[in-house]
């Protein structure tokens, strides 16, 4: 067996409680969500020190994406023919091979096993796989570049 053939089993650490029940493409910036950590796995001290951070990276499993809709070839982002065909690894679409999402969110509050964030683009009931505090040192090193179409695509994504 090659390492790439190894099956990975993840257990959710919690669940997203969000006012959004559909994966709509834009306007996630003002969305406040609560991540409810699993009390069967954790006690409240699991979040000790987290409130000292302003942002958190949330890794989640997009469980409502139909596995038949996983992208394995190039396509136009959002099916817009004005944008170039690019592979799934050159975009952040939900039809990813492992259906994992990662979003950097503003941390609003930590109350025991309830973590409130703003700007999480995960719908209500989404399993959370992990949380990590955002640290500047994990941000980009060097110049950041991206194609023009991606700026246009993201123009309203995180508006409130």
C-alpha atoms as a PDB file:
ATOM      1  CA  UNK A   1       0.000   0.000   0.000  1.00  0.00           C
ATOM      2  CA  UNK A   2       1.287   3.440  -0.914  1.00  0.00           C
ATOM      3  CA  UNK A   3       0.861   6.322   1.502  1.00  0.00           C
ATOM      4  CA  UNK A   4      -1.502   7.954  -0.999  1.00  0.00           C
ATOM      5  CA  UNK A   5      -3.762   4.883  -0.802  1.00  0.00           C
ATOM      6  CA  UNK A   6      -4.063   5.146   2.969  1.00  0.00           C
ATOM      7  CA  UNK A   7      -7.561   5.877   4.227  1.00  0.00           C
ATOM      8  CA  UNK A   8      -7.844   8.756   6.677  1.00  0.00           C
ATOM      9  CA  UNK A   9     -10.626   8.713   9.218  1.00  0.00           C
ATOM     10  CA  UNK A  10     -11.516  11.971  10.950  1.00  0.00           C
ATOM     11  CA  UNK A  11     -13.892  12.457  13.846  1.00  0.00           C
ATOM     12  CA  UNK A  12     -15.619  15.846  13.964  1.00  0.00           C
ATOM     13  CA  UNK A  13     -14.722  17.954  16.981  1.00  0.00           C
ATOM     14  CA  UNK A  14     -17.963  19.896  16.768  1.00  0.00           C
ATOM     15  CA  UNK A  15     -20.684  21.288  14.570  1.00  0.00           C
ATOM     16  CA  UNK A  16     -21.492  24.657  13.006  1.00  0.00           C
ATOM     17  CA  UNK A  17     -24.670  26.448  14.053  1.00  0.00           C
ATOM     18  CA  UNK A  18     -25.280  29.087  11.407  1.00  0.00           C
ATOM     19  CA  UNK A  19     -28.243  31.160  10.256  1.00  0.00           C
ATOM     20  CA  UNK A  20     -27.371  30.078   6.702  1.00  0.00           C
ATOM     21  CA  UNK A  21     -28.725  26.743   5.567  1.00  0.00           C
ATOM     22  CA  UNK A  22     -27.628  26.931   1.936  1.00  0.00           C
ATOM     23  CA  UNK A  23     -24.157  27.267   0.436  1.00  0.00           C
ATOM     24  CA  UNK A  24     -24.762  30.555  -1.360  1.00  0.00           C
ATOM     25  CA  UNK A  25     -21.689  31.965  -3.112  1.00  0.00           C
ATOM     26  CA  UNK A  26     -21.452  35.448  -1.577  1.00  0.00           C
ATOM     27  CA  UNK A  27     -22.073  37.702   1.423  1.00  0.00           C
ATOM     28  CA  UNK A  28     -20.513  35.598   4.183  1.00  0.00           C
ATOM     29  CA  UNK A  29     -18.703  38.499   5.884  1.00  0.00           C
ATOM     30  CA  UNK A  30     -21.457  39.422   8.325  1.00  0.00           C
ATOM     31  CA  UNK A  31     -22.549  35.887   9.125  1.00  0.00           C
ATOM     32  CA  UNK A  32     -22.068  35.015  12.793  1.00  0.00           C
ATOM     33  CA  UNK A  33     -21.883  31.311  13.524  1.00  0.00           C
ATOM     34  CA  UNK A  34     -21.383  29.276  16.657  1.00  0.00           C
ATOM     35  CA  UNK A  35     -19.110  26.264  16.666  1.00  0.00           C
ATOM     36  CA  UNK A  36     -20.404  23.850  19.276  1.00  0.00           C
ATOM     37  CA  UNK A  37     -17.576  21.592  20.389  1.00  0.00           C
ATOM     38  CA  UNK A  38     -18.485  17.998  21.267  1.00  0.00           C
ATOM     39  CA  UNK A  39     -18.870  17.646  25.065  1.00  0.00           C
ATOM     40  CA  UNK A  40     -18.353  13.881  24.741  1.00  0.00           C
ATOM     41  CA  UNK A  41     -14.781  14.571  23.591  1.00  0.00           C
ATOM     42  CA  UNK A  42     -13.845  17.784  25.392  1.00  0.00           C
ATOM     43  CA  UNK A  43     -14.122  19.694  28.617  1.00  0.00           C
ATOM     44  CA  UNK A  44     -14.244  23.482  28.687  1.00  0.00           C
ATOM     45  CA  UNK A  45     -10.501  23.783  29.276  1.00  0.00           C
ATOM     46  CA  UNK A  46      -9.919  22.762  25.637  1.00  0.00           C
ATOM     47  CA  UNK A  47     -10.561  26.409  24.702  1.00  0.00           C
ATOM     48  CA  UNK A  48      -8.336  27.925  27.412  1.00  0.00           C
ATOM     49  CA  UNK A  49      -6.323  30.792  25.922  1.00  0.00           C
ATOM     50  CA  UNK A  50      -8.237  30.861  22.633  1.00  0.00           C
ATOM     51  CA  UNK A  51      -9.988  34.143  23.456  1.00  0.00           C
ATOM     52  CA  UNK A  52      -6.569  35.844  23.425  1.00  0.00           C
ATOM     53  CA  UNK A  53      -6.593  35.576  19.621  1.00  0.00           C
ATOM     54  CA  UNK A  54      -8.558  37.761  17.207  1.00  0.00           C
ATOM     55  CA  UNK A  55      -8.943  35.155  14.453  1.00  0.00           C
ATOM     56  CA  UNK A  56      -9.207  31.404  14.097  1.00  0.00           C
ATOM     57  CA  UNK A  57      -8.819  29.049  11.145  1.00  0.00           C
ATOM     58  CA  UNK A  58     -11.772  26.678  10.931  1.00  0.00           C
ATOM     59  CA  UNK A  59     -11.354  23.384   9.060  1.00  0.00           C
ATOM     60  CA  UNK A  60     -14.670  21.776   8.202  1.00  0.00           C
ATOM     61  CA  UNK A  61     -16.131  18.894   6.220  1.00  0.00           C
ATOM     62  CA  UNK A  62     -18.586  19.921   3.508  1.00  0.00           C
ATOM     63  CA  UNK A  63     -20.877  16.973   4.164  1.00  0.00           C
ATOM     64  CA  UNK A  64     -23.697  18.162   1.914  1.00  0.00           C
ATOM     65  CA  UNK A  65     -21.579  18.167  -1.240  1.00  0.00           C
ATOM     66  CA  UNK A  66     -22.672  15.188  -3.304  1.00  0.00           C
ATOM     67  CA  UNK A  67     -19.597  12.947  -3.871  1.00  0.00           C
ATOM     68  CA  UNK A  68     -20.758  12.607  -7.494  1.00  0.00           C
ATOM     69  CA  UNK A  69     -20.102  16.359  -7.888  1.00  0.00           C
ATOM     70  CA  UNK A  70     -16.434  16.196  -6.961  1.00  0.00           C
ATOM     71  CA  UNK A  71     -14.342  18.031  -9.553  1.00  0.00           C
ATOM     72  CA  UNK A  72     -11.470  16.094 -11.096  1.00  0.00           C
ATOM     73  CA  UNK A  73     -10.930  18.155 -14.262  1.00  0.00           C
ATOM     74  CA  UNK A  74     -10.574  21.834 -15.108  1.00  0.00           C
ATOM     75  CA  UNK A  75     -13.690  24.001 -15.203  1.00  0.00           C
ATOM     76  CA  UNK A  76     -14.683  27.657 -15.270  1.00  0.00           C
ATOM     77  CA  UNK A  77     -15.032  28.954 -11.666  1.00  0.00           C
ATOM     78  CA  UNK A  78     -18.742  29.469 -10.912  1.00  0.00           C
ATOM     79  CA  UNK A  79     -19.327  28.226 -14.472  1.00  0.00           C
ATOM     80  CA  UNK A  80     -18.441  31.696 -15.762  1.00  0.00           C
ATOM     81  CA  UNK A  81     -17.098  31.318 -19.331  1.00  0.00           C
ATOM     82  CA  UNK A  82     -15.379  34.719 -19.010  1.00  0.00           C
ATOM     83  CA  UNK A  83     -12.959  33.156 -16.524  1.00  0.00           C
ATOM     84  CA  UNK A  84     -10.335  30.586 -17.541  1.00  0.00           C
ATOM     85  CA  UNK A  85     -10.783  26.869 -16.990  1.00  0.00           C
ATOM     86  CA  UNK A  86      -8.752  25.934 -13.928  1.00  0.00           C
ATOM     87  CA  UNK A  87      -8.398  22.778 -11.863  1.00  0.00           C
ATOM     88  CA  UNK A  88      -9.963  22.368  -8.445  1.00  0.00           C
ATOM     89  CA  UNK A  89      -6.588  23.014  -6.796  1.00  0.00           C
ATOM     90  CA  UNK A  90      -6.485  26.469  -8.433  1.00  0.00           C
ATOM     91  CA  UNK A  91      -9.810  27.483  -6.880  1.00  0.00           C
ATOM     92  CA  UNK A  92     -11.630  27.176  -3.567  1.00  0.00           C
ATOM     93  CA  UNK A  93     -14.860  25.597  -4.828  1.00  0.00           C
ATOM     94  CA  UNK A  94     -16.796  23.178  -2.629  1.00  0.00           C
ATOM     95  CA  UNK A  95     -16.524  20.197  -5.018  1.00  0.00           C
ATOM     96  CA  UNK A  96     -13.090  19.288  -3.653  1.00  0.00           C
ATOM     97  CA  UNK A  97     -11.768  15.711  -3.605  1.00  0.00           C
ATOM     98  CA  UNK A  98     -12.001  15.437   0.199  1.00  0.00           C
ATOM     99  CA  UNK A  99     -14.705  18.094   0.641  1.00  0.00           C
ATOM    100  CA  UNK A 100     -12.637  20.014   3.194  1.00  0.00           C
ATOM    101  CA  UNK A 101     -13.091  23.734   3.706  1.00  0.00           C
ATOM    102  CA  UNK A 102     -10.721  26.102   5.509  1.00  0.00           C
ATOM    103  CA  UNK A 103     -11.739  29.621   6.466  1.00  0.00           C
ATOM    104  CA  UNK A 104     -10.021  32.280   8.513  1.00  0.00           C
ATOM    105  CA  UNK A 105     -12.687  33.841  10.737  1.00  0.00           C
ATOM    106  CA  UNK A 106     -12.887  36.684  13.201  1.00  0.00           C
ATOM    107  CA  UNK A 107     -13.195  35.280  16.711  1.00  0.00           C
ATOM    108  CA  UNK A 108     -16.098  36.992  18.477  1.00  0.00           C
ATOM    109  CA  UNK A 109     -16.333  35.061  21.741  1.00  0.00           C
ATOM    110  CA  UNK A 110     -15.436  31.869  23.540  1.00  0.00           C
ATOM    111  CA  UNK A 111     -17.910  30.606  26.111  1.00  0.00           C
ATOM    112  CA  UNK A 112     -16.926  27.151  27.286  1.00  0.00           C
ATOM    113  CA  UNK A 113     -17.427  24.811  24.337  1.00  0.00           C
ATOM    114  CA  UNK A 114     -19.224  27.467  22.256  1.00  0.00           C
ATOM    115  CA  UNK A 115     -17.049  29.521  19.938  1.00  0.00           C
ATOM    116  CA  UNK A 116     -18.686  32.388  18.069  1.00  0.00           C
ATOM    117  CA  UNK A 117     -17.046  33.495  14.825  1.00  0.00           C
ATOM    118  CA  UNK A 118     -17.825  35.933  12.016  1.00  0.00           C
ATOM    119  CA  UNK A 119     -17.274  35.163   8.348  1.00  0.00           C
ATOM    120  CA  UNK A 120     -17.411  31.371   8.415  1.00  0.00           C
ATOM    121  CA  UNK A 121     -18.647  30.122   5.037  1.00  0.00           C
ATOM    122  CA  UNK A 122     -20.032  26.862   6.380  1.00  0.00           C
ATOM    123  CA  UNK A 123     -23.742  26.162   6.562  1.00  0.00           C
ATOM    124  CA  UNK A 124     -25.763  25.063   9.572  1.00  0.00           C
ATOM    125  CA  UNK A 125     -24.970  21.498  10.626  1.00  0.00           C
ATOM    126  CA  UNK A 126     -21.523  21.359   9.017  1.00  0.00           C
ATOM    127  CA  UNK A 127     -19.063  19.123  10.925  1.00  0.00           C
ATOM    128  CA  UNK A 128     -15.938  20.902  12.167  1.00  0.00           C
ATOM    129  CA  UNK A 129     -12.724  18.897  11.851  1.00  0.00           C
ATOM    130  CA  UNK A 130     -10.294  21.261  13.601  1.00  0.00           C
ATOM    131  CA  UNK A 131      -9.701  24.802  14.863  1.00  0.00           C
ATOM    132  CA  UNK A 132      -6.412  26.646  14.948  1.00  0.00           C
ATOM    133  CA  UNK A 133      -5.669  30.127  16.257  1.00  0.00           C
ATOM    134  CA  UNK A 134      -4.470  32.409  13.483  1.00  0.00           C
ATOM    135  CA  UNK A 135      -0.954  33.717  14.019  1.00  0.00           C
ATOM    136  CA  UNK A 136       0.702  36.306  11.776  1.00  0.00           C
ATOM    137  CA  UNK A 137       3.702  34.039  11.420  1.00  0.00           C
ATOM    138  CA  UNK A 138       1.521  31.511   9.571  1.00  0.00           C
ATOM    139  CA  UNK A 139       0.364  34.149   7.107  1.00  0.00           C
ATOM    140  CA  UNK A 140       1.951  34.563   3.694  1.00  0.00           C
ATOM    141  CA  UNK A 141       5.685  35.032   3.493  1.00  0.00           C
ATOM    142  CA  UNK A 142       6.773  37.062   0.505  1.00  0.00           C
ATOM    143  CA  UNK A 143       4.634  38.665  -2.147  1.00  0.00           C
ATOM    144  CA  UNK A 144       1.117  37.345  -2.636  1.00  0.00           C
ATOM    145  CA  UNK A 145      -0.147  37.038  -6.196  1.00  0.00           C
ATOM    146  CA  UNK A 146      -3.368  35.766  -7.694  1.00  0.00           C
ATOM    147  CA  UNK A 147      -5.073  36.058 -11.068  1.00  0.00           C
ATOM    148  CA  UNK A 148      -7.455  38.940 -11.764  1.00  0.00           C
ATOM    149  CA  UNK A 149     -10.496  36.663 -12.187  1.00  0.00           C
ATOM    150  CA  UNK A 150     -10.128  35.511  -8.579  1.00  0.00           C
ATOM    151  CA  UNK A 151     -10.316  39.101  -7.301  1.00  0.00           C
ATOM    152  CA  UNK A 152     -13.553  39.560  -9.253  1.00  0.00           C
ATOM    153  CA  UNK A 153     -14.943  36.251  -7.957  1.00  0.00           C
ATOM    154  CA  UNK A 154     -14.177  37.204  -4.340  1.00  0.00           C
ATOM    155  CA  UNK A 155     -15.387  40.825  -4.591  1.00  0.00           C
ATOM    156  CA  UNK A 156     -18.622  40.173  -2.655  1.00  0.00           C
ATOM    157  CA  UNK A 157     -17.769  36.861  -0.974  1.00  0.00           C
ATOM    158  CA  UNK A 158     -17.023  38.316   2.461  1.00  0.00           C
ATOM    159  CA  UNK A 159     -19.270  41.368   2.312  1.00  0.00           C
ATOM    160  CA  UNK A 160     -21.663  41.635   5.243  1.00  0.00           C
END
